[in-house]
Amino acid sequence: MIGDIAHVCNRGIEKRKIFLDNKDYERFTENLFLLNNEPGKIRTVKNIFTTEKEIPKQKKLVEVLKWSLLPNHYHLLLYEKVDGGILEFTKRLGNAYTKYFNIKNNGRSGYVFQNRAKIIPIADERQFLYIPFYIDINPLDLVFPDRKNFSIRDNKKAIDFLKTYKWSSYADYFGNGIRGMILNKDLFYEQFDVDSKTYQKELLDLSTSQVDELEGF
């Protein structure tokens, strides 16, 4: 339904990597923008996040509130703009990326993702409190593989990494990201009843082990 919020995630088949190089990450992030258009994919110039050319306006299926990509999986936080928009957008992302990945890798065939993407409605207070943090913190697995007892409180290395990690919306919220056009940041702060300063402080105060227990993805 319009106004619903969901956490969407999927991983590679047999937990294999789905992003093998920067081109793969770039293709997926471009699709987060180009496929979010009710009539169909926006056809436009390459390098949409750095081009100076005018890009056609979207008629959005969803508002993207958060996203993060790791080598073998992705996470999205989506707000539904039209009925069925989250499901349609998720299907488009999966189908388009599978086609791209198979063609790029010497005519590979078959599944890229392990199964259908999980679409998890954000329905209770606990999810509202922790899911955005979970998505933002997820890339720390790349530099802190064992995070069960790790807290990012006052940890400059962790926060600096998140601010500079290219394949997450965190850089567009708090760093020098170039993909802000994907997001509706104002809507995120409105829906989660938080401001930028408070969110950053709560992220610093939060133990990542608490967040990991929520999802186990």
N, C-alpha and C. Protein backbone atom coordinates (compact mmCIF):
# COMPACT_ATOMS: atom_id res chain seq x y z
N MET A 1 0.83 -1.20 0.00
CA MET A 1 0.00 0.00 0.00
C MET A 1 0.87 1.26 0.00
N ILE A 2 0.32 2.33 -0.55
CA ILE A 2 1.04 3.60 -0.54
C ILE A 2 1.34 4.00 0.90
N GLY A 3 2.59 4.38 1.14
CA GLY A 3 3.00 4.76 2.48
C GLY A 3 3.66 3.65 3.27
N ASP A 4 3.59 2.41 2.77
CA ASP A 4 4.27 1.30 3.44
C ASP A 4 5.79 1.47 3.32
N ILE A 5 6.50 0.99 4.32
CA ILE A 5 7.96 0.99 4.31
C ILE A 5 8.44 -0.45 4.48
N ALA A 6 9.43 -0.84 3.70
CA ALA A 6 9.93 -2.21 3.77
C ALA A 6 11.45 -2.25 3.66
N HIS A 7 12.01 -3.23 4.33
CA HIS A 7 13.43 -3.57 4.19
C HIS A 7 13.51 -4.68 3.15
N VAL A 8 14.25 -4.43 2.09
CA VAL A 8 14.39 -5.39 1.00
C VAL A 8 15.85 -5.85 0.95
N CYS A 9 16.05 -7.17 0.85
CA CYS A 9 17.42 -7.68 0.80
C CYS A 9 17.47 -8.98 0.01
N ASN A 10 18.63 -9.23 -0.56
CA ASN A 10 18.86 -10.50 -1.26
C ASN A 10 20.36 -10.73 -1.34
N ARG A 11 20.73 -12.01 -1.53
CA ARG A 11 22.15 -12.36 -1.64
C ARG A 11 22.36 -13.25 -2.86
N GLY A 12 23.63 -13.42 -3.21
CA GLY A 12 23.97 -14.25 -4.35
C GLY A 12 23.69 -15.72 -4.10
N ILE A 13 23.40 -16.44 -5.17
CA ILE A 13 23.15 -17.87 -5.07
C ILE A 13 24.37 -18.55 -4.44
N GLU A 14 24.11 -19.46 -3.50
CA GLU A 14 25.17 -20.15 -2.75
C GLU A 14 26.12 -19.17 -2.08
N LYS A 15 25.58 -17.99 -1.76
CA LYS A 15 26.35 -16.92 -1.09
C LYS A 15 27.54 -16.44 -1.92
N ARG A 16 27.46 -16.65 -3.24
CA ARG A 16 28.53 -16.18 -4.12
C ARG A 16 28.48 -14.67 -4.26
N LYS A 17 29.59 -14.10 -4.69
CA LYS A 17 29.64 -12.67 -4.94
C LYS A 17 28.75 -12.30 -6.13
N ILE A 18 28.03 -11.22 -5.98
CA ILE A 18 27.21 -10.72 -7.09
C ILE A 18 27.80 -9.42 -7.66
N PHE A 19 28.71 -8.81 -6.91
CA PHE A 19 29.41 -7.62 -7.39
C PHE A 19 30.89 -7.96 -7.45
N LEU A 20 31.39 -8.10 -8.68
CA LEU A 20 32.77 -8.57 -8.87
C LEU A 20 33.75 -7.43 -9.09
N ASP A 21 33.25 -6.28 -9.53
CA ASP A 21 34.12 -5.13 -9.77
C ASP A 21 33.28 -3.86 -9.70
N ASN A 22 33.93 -2.71 -9.88
CA ASN A 22 33.24 -1.43 -9.76
C ASN A 22 32.11 -1.29 -10.78
N LYS A 23 32.29 -1.88 -11.97
CA LYS A 23 31.23 -1.79 -12.99
C LYS A 23 29.94 -2.42 -12.50
N ASP A 24 30.06 -3.52 -11.76
CA ASP A 24 28.87 -4.19 -11.24
C ASP A 24 28.16 -3.31 -10.21
N TYR A 25 28.92 -2.75 -9.29
CA TYR A 25 28.31 -1.85 -8.31
C TYR A 25 27.66 -0.66 -8.99
N GLU A 26 28.36 -0.10 -9.97
CA GLU A 26 27.84 1.07 -10.68
C GLU A 26 26.55 0.75 -11.40
N ARG A 27 26.48 -0.42 -12.04
CA ARG A 27 25.26 -0.79 -12.76
C ARG A 27 24.07 -0.90 -11.79
N PHE A 28 24.29 -1.54 -10.65
CA PHE A 28 23.19 -1.70 -9.70
C PHE A 28 22.74 -0.34 -9.16
N THR A 29 23.68 0.52 -8.81
CA THR A 29 23.28 1.83 -8.28
C THR A 29 22.59 2.69 -9.34
N GLU A 30 23.04 2.60 -10.58
CA GLU A 30 22.35 3.31 -11.65
C GLU A 30 20.90 2.84 -11.76
N ASN A 31 20.72 1.51 -11.64
CA ASN A 31 19.37 0.97 -11.73
C ASN A 31 18.48 1.39 -10.56
N LEU A 32 19.07 1.67 -9.41
CA LEU A 32 18.27 2.19 -8.30
C LEU A 32 17.59 3.49 -8.68
N PHE A 33 18.20 4.23 -9.59
CA PHE A 33 17.58 5.45 -10.09
C PHE A 33 16.75 5.19 -11.36
N LEU A 34 17.37 4.56 -12.35
CA LEU A 34 16.75 4.47 -13.67
C LEU A 34 15.51 3.57 -13.70
N LEU A 35 15.47 2.52 -12.87
CA LEU A 35 14.32 1.62 -12.86
C LEU A 35 13.20 2.10 -11.96
N ASN A 36 13.45 3.14 -11.19
CA ASN A 36 12.43 3.69 -10.29
C ASN A 36 11.58 4.70 -11.04
N ASN A 37 10.85 4.17 -12.03
CA ASN A 37 10.05 5.01 -12.92
C ASN A 37 8.86 4.20 -13.39
N GLU A 38 7.68 4.63 -13.04
CA GLU A 38 6.48 3.82 -13.27
C GLU A 38 6.32 3.37 -14.72
N PRO A 39 6.54 4.23 -15.72
CA PRO A 39 6.37 3.78 -17.11
C PRO A 39 7.43 2.81 -17.60
N GLY A 40 8.55 2.71 -16.91
CA GLY A 40 9.63 1.83 -17.35
C GLY A 40 10.97 2.51 -17.18
N LYS A 41 12.04 1.80 -17.54
CA LYS A 41 13.39 2.31 -17.33
C LYS A 41 13.62 3.63 -18.06
N ILE A 42 14.25 4.57 -17.36
CA ILE A 42 14.62 5.83 -17.98
C ILE A 42 15.83 5.59 -18.88
N ARG A 43 15.70 5.97 -20.12
CA ARG A 43 16.81 5.84 -21.07
C ARG A 43 17.56 7.17 -21.07
N THR A 44 18.82 7.14 -20.72
CA THR A 44 19.54 8.39 -20.60
C THR A 44 21.02 8.17 -20.86
N VAL A 45 21.81 9.17 -20.60
CA VAL A 45 23.24 9.11 -20.86
C VAL A 45 23.93 8.24 -19.83
N LYS A 46 25.17 7.86 -20.13
CA LYS A 46 25.96 7.10 -19.18
C LYS A 46 26.45 8.02 -18.06
N ASN A 47 26.93 7.41 -17.00
CA ASN A 47 27.49 8.16 -15.87
C ASN A 47 26.49 9.18 -15.32
N ILE A 48 25.30 8.70 -15.00
CA ILE A 48 24.22 9.61 -14.61
C ILE A 48 24.53 10.40 -13.36
N PHE A 49 25.41 9.89 -12.49
CA PHE A 49 25.68 10.59 -11.24
C PHE A 49 26.72 11.70 -11.38
N THR A 50 27.39 11.76 -12.53
CA THR A 50 28.40 12.79 -12.73
C THR A 50 28.16 13.63 -13.98
N THR A 51 27.18 13.26 -14.79
CA THR A 51 26.94 13.98 -16.03
C THR A 51 26.39 15.38 -15.75
N GLU A 52 26.67 16.28 -16.67
CA GLU A 52 26.11 17.63 -16.58
C GLU A 52 24.86 17.75 -17.46
N LYS A 53 24.54 16.69 -18.18
CA LYS A 53 23.35 16.72 -19.03
C LYS A 53 22.09 16.57 -18.19
N GLU A 54 21.00 17.08 -18.69
CA GLU A 54 19.72 17.00 -17.97
C GLU A 54 19.21 15.56 -18.02
N ILE A 55 18.75 15.08 -16.89
CA ILE A 55 18.23 13.71 -16.78
C ILE A 55 16.71 13.79 -16.67
N PRO A 56 15.99 12.96 -17.42
CA PRO A 56 14.52 13.00 -17.34
C PRO A 56 14.01 12.79 -15.92
N LYS A 57 12.92 13.45 -15.61
CA LYS A 57 12.32 13.29 -14.28
C LYS A 57 11.67 11.93 -14.17
N GLN A 58 11.63 11.43 -12.93
CA GLN A 58 11.01 10.13 -12.66
C GLN A 58 9.54 10.30 -12.28
N LYS A 59 8.78 9.25 -12.57
CA LYS A 59 7.46 9.05 -11.95
C LYS A 59 7.65 7.83 -11.05
N LYS A 60 7.97 8.06 -9.81
CA LYS A 60 8.55 7.03 -8.96
C LYS A 60 7.56 5.95 -8.52
N LEU A 61 8.08 4.73 -8.47
CA LEU A 61 7.38 3.62 -7.85
C LEU A 61 7.57 3.64 -6.34
N VAL A 62 8.77 4.02 -5.92
CA VAL A 62 9.14 4.02 -4.50
C VAL A 62 10.02 5.24 -4.23
N GLU A 63 10.15 5.55 -2.94
CA GLU A 63 11.22 6.44 -2.50
C GLU A 63 12.28 5.55 -1.85
N VAL A 64 13.51 5.72 -2.28
CA VAL A 64 14.62 4.99 -1.68
C VAL A 64 15.12 5.80 -0.49
N LEU A 65 15.04 5.20 0.70
CA LEU A 65 15.45 5.89 1.92
C LEU A 65 16.87 5.54 2.34
N LYS A 66 17.25 4.28 2.17
CA LYS A 66 18.59 3.80 2.50
C LYS A 66 18.96 2.67 1.53
N TRP A 67 20.26 2.50 1.28
CA TRP A 67 20.73 1.35 0.52
C TRP A 67 22.18 1.06 0.89
N SER A 68 22.56 -0.20 0.80
CA SER A 68 23.96 -0.58 0.95
C SER A 68 24.21 -1.86 0.16
N LEU A 69 25.38 -1.93 -0.46
CA LEU A 69 25.78 -3.07 -1.27
C LEU A 69 27.07 -3.65 -0.71
N LEU A 70 27.11 -4.96 -0.55
CA LEU A 70 28.32 -5.69 -0.19
C LEU A 70 28.59 -6.72 -1.28
N PRO A 71 29.77 -7.32 -1.30
CA PRO A 71 30.09 -8.19 -2.45
C PRO A 71 29.07 -9.26 -2.76
N ASN A 72 28.40 -9.84 -1.75
CA ASN A 72 27.46 -10.93 -2.06
C ASN A 72 26.01 -10.65 -1.67
N HIS A 73 25.68 -9.40 -1.32
CA HIS A 73 24.28 -9.10 -1.01
C HIS A 73 24.01 -7.60 -1.01
N TYR A 74 22.74 -7.27 -0.94
CA TYR A 74 22.35 -5.86 -0.87
C TYR A 74 21.21 -5.68 0.13
N HIS A 75 21.07 -4.43 0.59
CA HIS A 75 19.98 -4.03 1.47
C HIS A 75 19.38 -2.72 0.97
N LEU A 76 18.07 -2.62 1.01
CA LEU A 76 17.36 -1.39 0.65
C LEU A 76 16.31 -1.08 1.70
N LEU A 77 16.04 0.19 1.91
CA LEU A 77 14.90 0.63 2.71
C LEU A 77 14.03 1.48 1.80
N LEU A 78 12.81 0.99 1.53
CA LEU A 78 11.95 1.58 0.52
C LEU A 78 10.62 2.04 1.09
N TYR A 79 10.12 3.14 0.53
CA TYR A 79 8.80 3.70 0.87
C TYR A 79 7.93 3.59 -0.38
N GLU A 80 6.76 3.01 -0.25
CA GLU A 80 5.92 2.75 -1.43
C GLU A 80 5.17 4.00 -1.87
N LYS A 81 5.36 4.36 -3.15
CA LYS A 81 4.70 5.54 -3.73
C LYS A 81 3.42 5.20 -4.47
N VAL A 82 3.38 4.01 -5.07
CA VAL A 82 2.17 3.54 -5.76
C VAL A 82 1.91 2.13 -5.27
N ASP A 83 0.66 1.72 -5.27
CA ASP A 83 0.34 0.37 -4.80
C ASP A 83 1.13 -0.68 -5.59
N GLY A 84 1.78 -1.56 -4.88
CA GLY A 84 2.59 -2.59 -5.52
C GLY A 84 3.95 -2.11 -5.97
N GLY A 85 4.29 -0.88 -5.65
CA GLY A 85 5.54 -0.30 -6.15
C GLY A 85 6.78 -0.99 -5.63
N ILE A 86 6.79 -1.38 -4.36
CA ILE A 86 7.97 -2.03 -3.80
C ILE A 86 8.24 -3.36 -4.48
N LEU A 87 7.18 -4.16 -4.66
CA LEU A 87 7.33 -5.45 -5.33
C LEU A 87 7.80 -5.28 -6.76
N GLU A 88 7.19 -4.35 -7.49
CA GLU A 88 7.56 -4.13 -8.89
C GLU A 88 9.00 -3.66 -9.01
N PHE A 89 9.39 -2.72 -8.18
CA PHE A 89 10.75 -2.19 -8.22
C PHE A 89 11.77 -3.29 -7.89
N THR A 90 11.46 -4.10 -6.90
CA THR A 90 12.36 -5.18 -6.50
C THR A 90 12.53 -6.19 -7.62
N LYS A 91 11.43 -6.54 -8.28
CA LYS A 91 11.51 -7.46 -9.41
C LYS A 91 12.36 -6.89 -10.54
N ARG A 92 12.15 -5.61 -10.84
CA ARG A 92 12.92 -4.97 -11.91
C ARG A 92 14.42 -5.02 -11.60
N LEU A 93 14.77 -4.69 -10.37
CA LEU A 93 16.18 -4.70 -9.99
C LEU A 93 16.80 -6.09 -10.18
N GLY A 94 16.10 -7.11 -9.70
CA GLY A 94 16.61 -8.47 -9.80
C GLY A 94 16.74 -8.95 -11.23
N ASN A 95 15.70 -8.73 -12.01
CA ASN A 95 15.72 -9.19 -13.40
C ASN A 95 16.78 -8.46 -14.23
N ALA A 96 16.84 -7.13 -14.07
CA ALA A 96 17.79 -6.35 -14.86
C ALA A 96 19.23 -6.69 -14.50
N TYR A 97 19.49 -6.87 -13.20
CA TYR A 97 20.86 -7.16 -12.81
C TYR A 97 21.26 -8.57 -13.23
N THR A 98 20.35 -9.52 -13.14
CA THR A 98 20.64 -10.89 -13.58
C THR A 98 20.99 -10.92 -15.06
N LYS A 99 20.21 -10.21 -15.87
CA LYS A 99 20.49 -10.16 -17.31
C LYS A 99 21.85 -9.53 -17.57
N TYR A 100 22.12 -8.41 -16.93
CA TYR A 100 23.41 -7.73 -17.10
C TYR A 100 24.56 -8.64 -16.69
N PHE A 101 24.46 -9.26 -15.51
CA PHE A 101 25.54 -10.07 -14.95
C PHE A 101 25.84 -11.27 -15.85
N ASN A 102 24.80 -11.91 -16.36
CA ASN A 102 25.00 -13.09 -17.20
C ASN A 102 25.64 -12.73 -18.54
N ILE A 103 25.21 -11.64 -19.13
CA ILE A 103 25.80 -11.21 -20.40
C ILE A 103 27.26 -10.80 -20.19
N LYS A 104 27.53 -10.06 -19.14
CA LYS A 104 28.88 -9.57 -18.86
C LYS A 104 29.86 -10.73 -18.63
N ASN A 105 29.37 -11.78 -18.02
CA ASN A 105 30.25 -12.89 -17.66
C ASN A 105 30.16 -14.03 -18.69
N ASN A 106 30.53 -13.66 -19.92
CA ASN A 106 30.70 -14.62 -21.01
C ASN A 106 29.46 -15.46 -21.29
N GLY A 107 28.30 -14.80 -21.30
CA GLY A 107 27.08 -15.51 -21.63
C GLY A 107 26.64 -16.50 -20.58
N ARG A 108 27.05 -16.27 -19.35
CA ARG A 108 26.60 -17.11 -18.24
C ARG A 108 25.08 -17.20 -18.27
N SER A 109 24.52 -18.32 -17.78
CA SER A 109 23.07 -18.46 -17.70
C SER A 109 22.69 -18.92 -16.29
N GLY A 110 21.43 -18.73 -15.97
CA GLY A 110 20.96 -19.20 -14.68
C GLY A 110 20.79 -18.09 -13.66
N TYR A 111 20.54 -18.51 -12.44
CA TYR A 111 20.24 -17.58 -11.36
C TYR A 111 21.50 -16.87 -10.89
N VAL A 112 21.33 -15.62 -10.48
CA VAL A 112 22.38 -14.86 -9.83
C VAL A 112 22.09 -14.75 -8.34
N PHE A 113 20.81 -14.56 -8.02
CA PHE A 113 20.41 -14.41 -6.62
C PHE A 113 19.94 -15.74 -6.04
N GLN A 114 20.08 -15.87 -4.74
CA GLN A 114 19.78 -17.11 -4.05
C GLN A 114 18.31 -17.50 -4.16
N ASN A 115 17.45 -16.52 -4.12
CA ASN A 115 16.01 -16.76 -4.19
C ASN A 115 15.33 -15.42 -4.44
N ARG A 116 14.03 -15.39 -4.29
CA ARG A 116 13.34 -14.10 -4.38
C ARG A 116 13.81 -13.20 -3.25
N ALA A 117 13.88 -11.93 -3.55
CA ALA A 117 14.29 -10.98 -2.52
C ALA A 117 13.33 -11.02 -1.34
N LYS A 118 13.87 -10.85 -0.15
CA LYS A 118 13.03 -10.71 1.03
C LYS A 118 12.48 -9.29 1.07
N ILE A 119 11.17 -9.18 1.24
CA ILE A 119 10.53 -7.88 1.43
C ILE A 119 9.91 -7.91 2.81
N ILE A 120 10.54 -7.21 3.75
CA ILE A 120 10.17 -7.30 5.16
C ILE A 120 9.49 -5.99 5.57
N PRO A 121 8.18 -6.00 5.78
CA PRO A 121 7.49 -4.76 6.18
C PRO A 121 8.05 -4.21 7.49
N ILE A 122 8.21 -2.90 7.54
CA ILE A 122 8.62 -2.24 8.77
C ILE A 122 7.34 -1.92 9.53
N ALA A 123 7.02 -2.79 10.49
CA ALA A 123 5.69 -2.73 11.08
C ALA A 123 5.68 -2.43 12.58
N ASP A 124 6.80 -2.65 13.27
CA ASP A 124 6.77 -2.42 14.71
C ASP A 124 7.88 -1.46 15.12
N GLU A 125 7.80 -1.00 16.35
CA GLU A 125 8.69 0.05 16.83
C GLU A 125 10.15 -0.39 16.80
N ARG A 126 10.40 -1.65 17.13
CA ARG A 126 11.78 -2.15 17.15
C ARG A 126 12.42 -2.06 15.77
N GLN A 127 11.64 -2.41 14.74
CA GLN A 127 12.17 -2.32 13.38
C GLN A 127 12.45 -0.87 13.00
N PHE A 128 11.53 0.04 13.36
CA PHE A 128 11.75 1.45 13.07
C PHE A 128 13.03 1.95 13.74
N LEU A 129 13.30 1.46 14.94
CA LEU A 129 14.45 1.92 15.69
C LEU A 129 15.77 1.43 15.10
N TYR A 130 15.79 0.19 14.57
CA TYR A 130 17.06 -0.42 14.25
C TYR A 130 17.36 -0.68 12.77
N ILE A 131 16.35 -0.85 11.93
CA ILE A 131 16.62 -1.22 10.55
C ILE A 131 17.49 -0.20 9.81
N PRO A 132 17.23 1.11 9.92
CA PRO A 132 18.12 2.05 9.22
C PRO A 132 19.57 1.93 9.67
N PHE A 133 19.79 1.75 10.98
CA PHE A 133 21.14 1.57 11.49
C PHE A 133 21.76 0.28 10.94
N TYR A 134 20.95 -0.77 10.90
CA TYR A 134 21.44 -2.06 10.39
C TYR A 134 21.96 -1.91 8.96
N ILE A 135 21.19 -1.21 8.13
CA ILE A 135 21.60 -1.03 6.73
C ILE A 135 22.86 -0.18 6.63
N ASP A 136 22.92 0.89 7.42
CA ASP A 136 24.09 1.76 7.38
C ASP A 136 25.35 1.07 7.90
N ILE A 137 25.22 0.28 8.94
CA ILE A 137 26.37 -0.34 9.57
C ILE A 137 26.86 -1.58 8.81
N ASN A 138 26.01 -2.17 8.00
CA ASN A 138 26.34 -3.44 7.34
C ASN A 138 27.70 -3.47 6.66
N PRO A 139 28.12 -2.40 5.95
CA PRO A 139 29.42 -2.46 5.27
C PRO A 139 30.61 -2.59 6.21
N LEU A 140 30.43 -2.37 7.52
CA LEU A 140 31.55 -2.54 8.44
C LEU A 140 32.05 -3.98 8.46
N ASP A 141 31.24 -4.93 7.98
CA ASP A 141 31.71 -6.32 7.89
C ASP A 141 32.98 -6.43 7.03
N LEU A 142 33.16 -5.47 6.13
CA LEU A 142 34.32 -5.53 5.23
C LEU A 142 35.62 -5.19 5.95
N VAL A 143 35.53 -4.43 7.03
CA VAL A 143 36.75 -4.04 7.75
C VAL A 143 36.81 -4.58 9.17
N PHE A 144 35.64 -5.01 9.69
CA PHE A 144 35.57 -5.62 11.02
C PHE A 144 34.78 -6.92 10.90
N PRO A 145 35.40 -8.00 10.39
CA PRO A 145 34.67 -9.25 10.15
C PRO A 145 34.01 -9.83 11.39
N ASP A 146 34.60 -9.64 12.56
CA ASP A 146 34.02 -10.16 13.79
C ASP A 146 33.46 -9.00 14.60
N ARG A 147 32.15 -8.73 14.42
CA ARG A 147 31.54 -7.57 15.07
C ARG A 147 30.61 -7.93 16.21
N LYS A 148 30.57 -9.17 16.61
CA LYS A 148 29.60 -9.58 17.63
C LYS A 148 29.76 -8.80 18.93
N ASN A 149 30.98 -8.50 19.28
CA ASN A 149 31.21 -7.77 20.52
C ASN A 149 31.83 -6.40 20.27
N PHE A 150 31.59 -5.89 19.07
CA PHE A 150 32.21 -4.64 18.67
C PHE A 150 31.20 -3.51 18.75
N SER A 151 31.60 -2.40 19.36
CA SER A 151 30.77 -1.21 19.39
C SER A 151 31.45 -0.11 18.60
N ILE A 152 30.70 0.64 17.83
CA ILE A 152 31.31 1.72 17.05
C ILE A 152 31.36 3.01 17.84
N ARG A 153 31.02 2.99 19.12
CA ARG A 153 31.07 4.18 19.95
C ARG A 153 32.46 4.83 19.87
N ASP A 154 32.48 6.08 19.43
CA ASP A 154 33.72 6.86 19.37
C ASP A 154 34.81 6.19 18.55
N ASN A 155 34.44 5.34 17.63
CA ASN A 155 35.45 4.66 16.83
C ASN A 155 35.61 5.39 15.50
N LYS A 156 36.64 6.22 15.41
CA LYS A 156 36.85 7.08 14.24
C LYS A 156 37.06 6.25 12.97
N LYS A 157 37.76 5.14 13.09
CA LYS A 157 38.02 4.31 11.92
C LYS A 157 36.73 3.82 11.29
N ALA A 158 35.80 3.37 12.12
CA ALA A 158 34.53 2.86 11.60
C ALA A 158 33.72 3.95 10.91
N ILE A 159 33.58 5.09 11.57
CA ILE A 159 32.78 6.17 10.99
C ILE A 159 33.43 6.72 9.73
N ASP A 160 34.75 6.88 9.75
CA ASP A 160 35.44 7.36 8.55
C ASP A 160 35.25 6.40 7.38
N PHE A 161 35.27 5.10 7.68
CA PHE A 161 35.05 4.11 6.62
C PHE A 161 33.64 4.26 6.03
N LEU A 162 32.63 4.37 6.88
CA LEU A 162 31.26 4.50 6.40
C LEU A 162 31.07 5.76 5.57
N LYS A 163 31.73 6.84 5.96
CA LYS A 163 31.58 8.10 5.23
C LYS A 163 32.21 8.05 3.85
N THR A 164 33.19 7.18 3.67
CA THR A 164 33.90 7.12 2.40
C THR A 164 33.58 5.89 1.57
N TYR A 165 32.81 4.95 2.14
CA TYR A 165 32.44 3.74 1.39
C TYR A 165 31.47 4.13 0.28
N LYS A 166 31.85 3.85 -0.96
CA LYS A 166 31.10 4.36 -2.11
C LYS A 166 29.77 3.68 -2.33
N TRP A 167 29.62 2.44 -1.84
CA TRP A 167 28.47 1.64 -2.24
C TRP A 167 27.42 1.55 -1.13
N SER A 168 27.13 2.69 -0.56
CA SER A 168 26.13 2.81 0.50
C SER A 168 25.59 4.23 0.51
N SER A 169 24.36 4.38 0.93
CA SER A 169 23.77 5.72 1.02
C SER A 169 24.33 6.54 2.16
N TYR A 170 25.08 5.90 3.09
CA TYR A 170 25.62 6.65 4.23
C TYR A 170 26.48 7.82 3.75
N ALA A 171 27.26 7.60 2.70
CA ALA A 171 28.13 8.66 2.18
C ALA A 171 27.31 9.83 1.65
N ASP A 172 26.12 9.56 1.15
CA ASP A 172 25.27 10.64 0.64
C ASP A 172 24.57 11.39 1.77
N TYR A 173 24.38 10.74 2.88
CA TYR A 173 23.81 11.42 4.05
C TYR A 173 24.87 12.22 4.81
N PHE A 174 26.05 11.62 5.01
CA PHE A 174 27.01 12.19 5.97
C PHE A 174 28.42 12.36 5.42
N GLY A 175 28.68 11.92 4.22
CA GLY A 175 30.01 12.04 3.64
C GLY A 175 29.98 12.87 2.37
N ASN A 176 30.79 12.46 1.40
CA ASN A 176 30.87 13.18 0.12
C ASN A 176 30.36 12.30 -1.02
N GLY A 177 29.22 11.67 -0.82
CA GLY A 177 28.64 10.81 -1.84
C GLY A 177 28.19 11.58 -3.05
N ILE A 178 28.07 10.89 -4.18
CA ILE A 178 27.66 11.53 -5.44
C ILE A 178 26.33 10.98 -5.94
N ARG A 179 25.68 10.13 -5.14
CA ARG A 179 24.47 9.46 -5.62
C ARG A 179 23.22 9.90 -4.85
N GLY A 180 23.22 11.12 -4.40
CA GLY A 180 22.09 11.62 -3.62
C GLY A 180 20.78 11.64 -4.38
N MET A 181 20.85 11.67 -5.72
CA MET A 181 19.61 11.71 -6.51
C MET A 181 18.78 10.43 -6.34
N ILE A 182 19.41 9.36 -5.88
CA ILE A 182 18.66 8.12 -5.64
C ILE A 182 17.69 8.29 -4.48
N LEU A 183 18.06 9.12 -3.51
CA LEU A 183 17.43 9.12 -2.19
C LEU A 183 16.40 10.22 -2.00
N ASN A 184 15.52 9.98 -1.01
CA ASN A 184 14.67 11.05 -0.48
C ASN A 184 15.02 11.17 1.00
N LYS A 185 16.03 11.97 1.30
CA LYS A 185 16.52 12.09 2.67
C LYS A 185 15.52 12.79 3.57
N ASP A 186 14.85 13.80 3.04
CA ASP A 186 13.87 14.52 3.86
C ASP A 186 12.75 13.58 4.32
N LEU A 187 12.31 12.71 3.42
CA LEU A 187 11.26 11.76 3.77
C LEU A 187 11.75 10.78 4.84
N PHE A 188 13.00 10.35 4.74
CA PHE A 188 13.54 9.45 5.76
C PHE A 188 13.46 10.10 7.14
N TYR A 189 13.94 11.32 7.26
CA TYR A 189 13.94 11.98 8.57
C TYR A 189 12.51 12.20 9.07
N GLU A 190 11.60 12.48 8.14
CA GLU A 190 10.19 12.68 8.53
C GLU A 190 9.57 11.37 9.00
N GLN A 191 9.75 10.30 8.26
CA GLN A 191 9.11 9.03 8.58
C GLN A 191 9.68 8.41 9.86
N PHE A 192 10.96 8.62 10.11
CA PHE A 192 11.59 8.01 11.28
C PHE A 192 11.73 9.01 12.43
N ASP A 193 11.12 10.19 12.24
CA ASP A 193 11.01 11.18 13.31
C ASP A 193 12.36 11.45 13.97
N VAL A 194 13.34 11.78 13.14
CA VAL A 194 14.69 12.02 13.63
C VAL A 194 15.32 13.09 12.75
N ASP A 195 16.32 13.79 13.28
CA ASP A 195 17.08 14.73 12.45
C ASP A 195 18.48 14.19 12.24
N SER A 196 19.22 14.85 11.37
CA SER A 196 20.54 14.36 10.98
C SER A 196 21.48 14.24 12.18
N LYS A 197 21.53 15.26 13.01
CA LYS A 197 22.44 15.26 14.16
C LYS A 197 22.11 14.15 15.15
N THR A 198 20.82 13.98 15.44
CA THR A 198 20.39 12.95 16.38
C THR A 198 20.68 11.56 15.84
N TYR A 199 20.42 11.37 14.54
CA TYR A 199 20.66 10.06 13.94
C TYR A 199 22.13 9.67 14.03
N GLN A 200 23.02 10.61 13.72
CA GLN A 200 24.45 10.30 13.80
C GLN A 200 24.88 9.96 15.22
N LYS A 201 24.34 10.68 16.18
CA LYS A 201 24.68 10.41 17.58
C LYS A 201 24.19 9.02 17.99
N GLU A 202 22.96 8.67 17.60
CA GLU A 202 22.42 7.37 17.96
C GLU A 202 23.19 6.25 17.28
N LEU A 203 23.65 6.49 16.07
CA LEU A 203 24.46 5.49 15.38
C LEU A 203 25.76 5.24 16.14
N LEU A 204 26.37 6.31 16.60
CA LEU A 204 27.61 6.18 17.38
C LEU A 204 27.39 5.44 18.69
N ASP A 205 26.21 5.62 19.27
CA ASP A 205 25.93 5.03 20.58
C ASP A 205 25.48 3.58 20.50
N LEU A 206 25.19 3.12 19.29
CA LEU A 206 24.56 1.81 19.15
C LEU A 206 25.59 0.69 19.01
N SER A 207 25.41 -0.36 19.76
CA SER A 207 26.26 -1.54 19.61
C SER A 207 25.83 -2.30 18.37
N THR A 208 26.76 -2.63 17.48
CA THR A 208 26.40 -3.35 16.26
C THR A 208 25.90 -4.75 16.57
N SER A 209 26.28 -5.32 17.70
CA SER A 209 25.79 -6.65 18.03
C SER A 209 24.28 -6.62 18.24
N GLN A 210 23.75 -5.53 18.78
CA GLN A 210 22.31 -5.41 18.95
C GLN A 210 21.60 -5.43 17.61
N VAL A 211 22.17 -4.72 16.64
CA VAL A 211 21.55 -4.65 15.33
C VAL A 211 21.63 -5.99 14.62
N ASP A 212 22.77 -6.67 14.69
CA ASP A 212 22.92 -7.96 14.03
C ASP A 212 21.90 -8.96 14.54
N GLU A 213 21.59 -8.93 15.81
CA GLU A 213 20.64 -9.86 16.38
C GLU A 213 19.25 -9.69 15.79
N LEU A 214 18.97 -8.47 15.32
CA LEU A 214 17.63 -8.19 14.80
C LEU A 214 17.38 -8.94 13.49
N GLU A 215 18.40 -9.02 12.62
CA GLU A 215 18.18 -9.53 11.29
C GLU A 215 18.79 -10.90 11.04
N GLY A 216 20.06 -11.04 11.34
CA GLY A 216 20.73 -12.30 11.06
C GLY A 216 20.82 -12.61 9.59
N PHE A 217 20.82 -11.58 8.71
CA PHE A 217 20.90 -11.83 7.28
C PHE A 217 22.33 -12.13 6.88
